[in-house]
Amino acid sequence: MRYLRNGSVPAASGSAVHDVLGPAREPIDGLHLLTDGEWF
């Protein structure tokens, strides 16, 4: 996961992302697409 955390964000949106593993499905963050510069 370090390669994603160190990656850049070429696209972000205001859409909420919900925790699909949590029983309450609470929102955890906005939608971000990350890249390491080679893979999108």
PDB file of N, CA and C in Angstrom:
ATOM      1  N   MET A   1       0.799  -1.182   0.000  1.00  0.00           N
ATOM      2  CA  MET A   1       0.000   0.000   0.000  1.00  0.00           C
ATOM      3  C   MET A   1       0.854   1.264   0.000  1.00  0.00           C
ATOM      4  N   ARG A   2       2.105   1.150   0.359  1.00  0.00           N
ATOM      5  CA  ARG A   2       2.964   2.334   0.409  1.00  0.00           C
ATOM      6  C   ARG A   2       3.063   3.006  -0.957  1.00  0.00           C
ATOM      7  N   TYR A   3       3.107   2.210  -2.028  1.00  0.00           N
ATOM      8  CA  TYR A   3       3.214   2.804  -3.363  1.00  0.00           C
ATOM      9  C   TYR A   3       1.981   3.638  -3.696  1.00  0.00           C
ATOM     10  N   LEU A   4       0.812   3.296  -3.176  1.00  0.00           N
ATOM     11  CA  LEU A   4      -0.372   4.117  -3.404  1.00  0.00           C
ATOM     12  C   LEU A   4      -0.386   5.347  -2.510  1.00  0.00           C
ATOM     13  N   ARG A   5       0.014   5.190  -1.275  1.00  0.00           N
ATOM     14  CA  ARG A   5       0.045   6.340  -0.367  1.00  0.00           C
ATOM     15  C   ARG A   5       1.062   7.386  -0.816  1.00  0.00           C
ATOM     16  N   ASN A   6       2.111   6.951  -1.506  1.00  0.00           N
ATOM     17  CA  ASN A   6       3.116   7.877  -2.014  1.00  0.00           C
ATOM     18  C   ASN A   6       2.790   8.367  -3.420  1.00  0.00           C
ATOM     19  N   GLY A   7       1.702   7.868  -4.003  1.00  0.00           N
ATOM     20  CA  GLY A   7       1.336   8.224  -5.362  1.00  0.00           C
ATOM     21  C   GLY A   7       0.693   9.596  -5.447  1.00  0.00           C
ATOM     22  N   SER A   8       0.406  10.000  -6.666  1.00  0.00           N
ATOM     23  CA  SER A   8      -0.264  11.276  -6.886  1.00  0.00           C
ATOM     24  C   SER A   8      -1.741  11.025  -7.176  1.00  0.00           C
ATOM     25  N   VAL A   9      -2.551  12.057  -6.996  1.00  0.00           N
ATOM     26  CA  VAL A   9      -3.994  11.966  -7.202  1.00  0.00           C
ATOM     27  C   VAL A   9      -4.340  12.701  -8.497  1.00  0.00           C
ATOM     28  N   PRO A  10      -4.512  11.977  -9.615  1.00  0.00           N
ATOM     29  CA  PRO A  10      -4.866  12.650 -10.864  1.00  0.00           C
ATOM     30  C   PRO A  10      -6.353  12.994 -10.956  1.00  0.00           C
ATOM     31  N   ALA A  11      -7.179  12.372 -10.105  1.00  0.00           N
ATOM     32  CA  ALA A  11      -8.621  12.651 -10.138  1.00  0.00           C
ATOM     33  C   ALA A  11      -9.211  12.461  -8.753  1.00  0.00           C
ATOM     34  N   ALA A  12     -10.091  13.368  -8.374  1.00  0.00           N
ATOM     35  CA  ALA A  12     -10.802  13.276  -7.099  1.00  0.00           C
ATOM     36  C   ALA A  12     -12.211  13.805  -7.308  1.00  0.00           C
ATOM     37  N   SER A  13     -13.142  13.278  -6.537  1.00  0.00           N
ATOM     38  CA  SER A  13     -14.519  13.747  -6.659  1.00  0.00           C
ATOM     39  C   SER A  13     -15.091  13.985  -5.269  1.00  0.00           C
ATOM     40  N   GLY A  14     -16.205  14.633  -5.221  1.00  0.00           N
ATOM     41  CA  GLY A  14     -16.879  14.885  -3.955  1.00  0.00           C
ATOM     42  C   GLY A  14     -17.774  13.741  -3.520  1.00  0.00           C
ATOM     43  N   SER A  15     -17.800  12.664  -4.300  1.00  0.00           N
ATOM     44  CA  SER A  15     -18.631  11.512  -3.954  1.00  0.00           C
ATOM     45  C   SER A  15     -18.088  10.818  -2.715  1.00  0.00           C
ATOM     46  N   ALA A  16     -18.989  10.471  -1.817  1.00  0.00           N
ATOM     47  CA  ALA A  16     -18.587   9.774  -0.592  1.00  0.00           C
ATOM     48  C   ALA A  16     -18.318   8.305  -0.889  1.00  0.00           C
ATOM     49  N   VAL A  17     -17.331   7.760  -0.217  1.00  0.00           N
ATOM     50  CA  VAL A  17     -17.023   6.332  -0.286  1.00  0.00           C
ATOM     51  C   VAL A  17     -17.391   5.741   1.065  1.00  0.00           C
ATOM     52  N   HIS A  18     -18.158   4.660   1.038  1.00  0.00           N
ATOM     53  CA  HIS A  18     -18.610   4.030   2.272  1.00  0.00           C
ATOM     54  C   HIS A  18     -17.769   2.806   2.602  1.00  0.00           C
ATOM     55  N   ASP A  19     -17.625   2.542   3.878  1.00  0.00           N
ATOM     56  CA  ASP A  19     -16.876   1.381   4.363  1.00  0.00           C
ATOM     57  C   ASP A  19     -17.707   0.130   4.091  1.00  0.00           C
ATOM     58  N   VAL A  20     -17.343  -0.621   3.054  1.00  0.00           N
ATOM     59  CA  VAL A  20     -18.126  -1.798   2.685  1.00  0.00           C
ATOM     60  C   VAL A  20     -17.911  -2.965   3.648  1.00  0.00           C
ATOM     61  N   LEU A  21     -16.857  -2.902   4.456  1.00  0.00           N
ATOM     62  CA  LEU A  21     -16.601  -3.972   5.412  1.00  0.00           C
ATOM     63  C   LEU A  21     -17.210  -3.696   6.779  1.00  0.00           C
ATOM     64  N   GLY A  22     -17.526  -2.442   7.072  1.00  0.00           N
ATOM     65  CA  GLY A  22     -18.114  -2.090   8.357  1.00  0.00           C
ATOM     66  C   GLY A  22     -19.605  -2.358   8.369  1.00  0.00           C
ATOM     67  N   PRO A  23     -20.146  -2.796   9.491  1.00  0.00           N
ATOM     68  CA  PRO A  23     -21.569  -3.112   9.565  1.00  0.00           C
ATOM     69  C   PRO A  23     -22.471  -1.894   9.365  1.00  0.00           C
ATOM     70  N   ALA A  24     -22.008  -0.706   9.700  1.00  0.00           N
ATOM     71  CA  ALA A  24     -22.830   0.493   9.567  1.00  0.00           C
ATOM     72  C   ALA A  24     -22.666   1.161   8.197  1.00  0.00           C
ATOM     73  N   ARG A  25     -21.681   0.695   7.406  1.00  0.00           N
ATOM     74  CA  ARG A  25     -21.394   1.269   6.074  1.00  0.00           C
ATOM     75  C   ARG A  25     -21.266   2.789   6.134  1.00  0.00           C
ATOM     76  N   GLU A  26     -20.523   3.269   7.120  1.00  0.00           N
ATOM     77  CA  GLU A  26     -20.323   4.707   7.310  1.00  0.00           C
ATOM     78  C   GLU A  26     -19.431   5.280   6.217  1.00  0.00           C
ATOM     79  N   PRO A  27     -19.641   6.559   5.862  1.00  0.00           N
ATOM     80  CA  PRO A  27     -18.736   7.191   4.897  1.00  0.00           C
ATOM     81  C   PRO A  27     -17.339   7.339   5.504  1.00  0.00           C
ATOM     82  N   ILE A  28     -16.314   7.032   4.709  1.00  0.00           N
ATOM     83  CA  ILE A  28     -14.949   7.099   5.228  1.00  0.00           C
ATOM     84  C   ILE A  28     -14.096   8.152   4.537  1.00  0.00           C
ATOM     85  N   ASP A  29     -14.451   8.541   3.308  1.00  0.00           N
ATOM     86  CA  ASP A  29     -13.636   9.518   2.583  1.00  0.00           C
ATOM     87  C   ASP A  29     -14.315   9.836   1.268  1.00  0.00           C
ATOM     88  N   GLY A  30     -13.707  10.760   0.517  1.00  0.00           N
ATOM     89  CA  GLY A  30     -14.170  11.034  -0.834  1.00  0.00           C
ATOM     90  C   GLY A  30     -13.498  10.079  -1.802  1.00  0.00           C
ATOM     91  N   LEU A  31     -14.028  10.014  -3.006  1.00  0.00           N
ATOM     92  CA  LEU A  31     -13.466   9.129  -4.026  1.00  0.00           C
ATOM     93  C   LEU A  31     -12.220   9.767  -4.627  1.00  0.00           C
ATOM     94  N   HIS A  32     -11.088   9.044  -4.546  1.00  0.00           N
ATOM     95  CA  HIS A  32      -9.812   9.509  -5.111  1.00  0.00           C
ATOM     96  C   HIS A  32      -9.230   8.378  -5.942  1.00  0.00           C
ATOM     97  N   LEU A  33      -8.717   8.714  -7.093  1.00  0.00           N
ATOM     98  CA  LEU A  33      -7.994   7.741  -7.917  1.00  0.00           C
ATOM     99  C   LEU A  33      -6.513   8.068  -7.795  1.00  0.00           C
ATOM    100  N   LEU A  34      -5.736   7.059  -7.426  1.00  0.00           N
ATOM    101  CA  LEU A  34      -4.299   7.249  -7.209  1.00  0.00           C
ATOM    102  C   LEU A  34      -3.496   6.530  -8.283  1.00  0.00           C
ATOM    103  N   THR A  35      -2.310   7.041  -8.534  1.00  0.00           N
ATOM    104  CA  THR A  35      -1.413   6.400  -9.472  1.00  0.00           C
ATOM    105  C   THR A  35       0.028   6.471  -8.953  1.00  0.00           C
ATOM    106  N   ASP A  36       0.818   5.500  -9.339  1.00  0.00           N
ATOM    107  CA  ASP A  36       2.238   5.531  -9.001  1.00  0.00           C
ATOM    108  C   ASP A  36       3.042   6.163 -10.135  1.00  0.00           C
ATOM    109  N   GLY A  37       2.364   6.653 -11.170  1.00  0.00           N
ATOM    110  CA  GLY A  37       3.023   7.248 -12.311  1.00  0.00           C
ATOM    111  C   GLY A  37       3.079   6.326 -13.510  1.00  0.00           C
ATOM    112  N   GLU A  38       2.882   5.032 -13.276  1.00  0.00           N
ATOM    113  CA  GLU A  38       2.869   4.070 -14.367  1.00  0.00           C
ATOM    114  C   GLU A  38       1.520   3.391 -14.496  1.00  0.00           C
ATOM    115  N   TRP A  39       0.922   3.042 -13.366  1.00  0.00           N
ATOM    116  CA  TRP A  39      -0.370   2.347 -13.368  1.00  0.00           C
ATOM    117  C   TRP A  39      -1.436   3.287 -12.826  1.00  0.00           C
ATOM    118  N   PHE A  40      -2.616   3.227 -13.450  1.00  0.00           N
ATOM    119  CA  PHE A  40      -3.728   4.057 -13.027  1.00  0.00           C
ATOM    120  C   PHE A  40      -4.814   3.182 -12.483  1.00  0.00           C
TER     121      PHE A  40
END
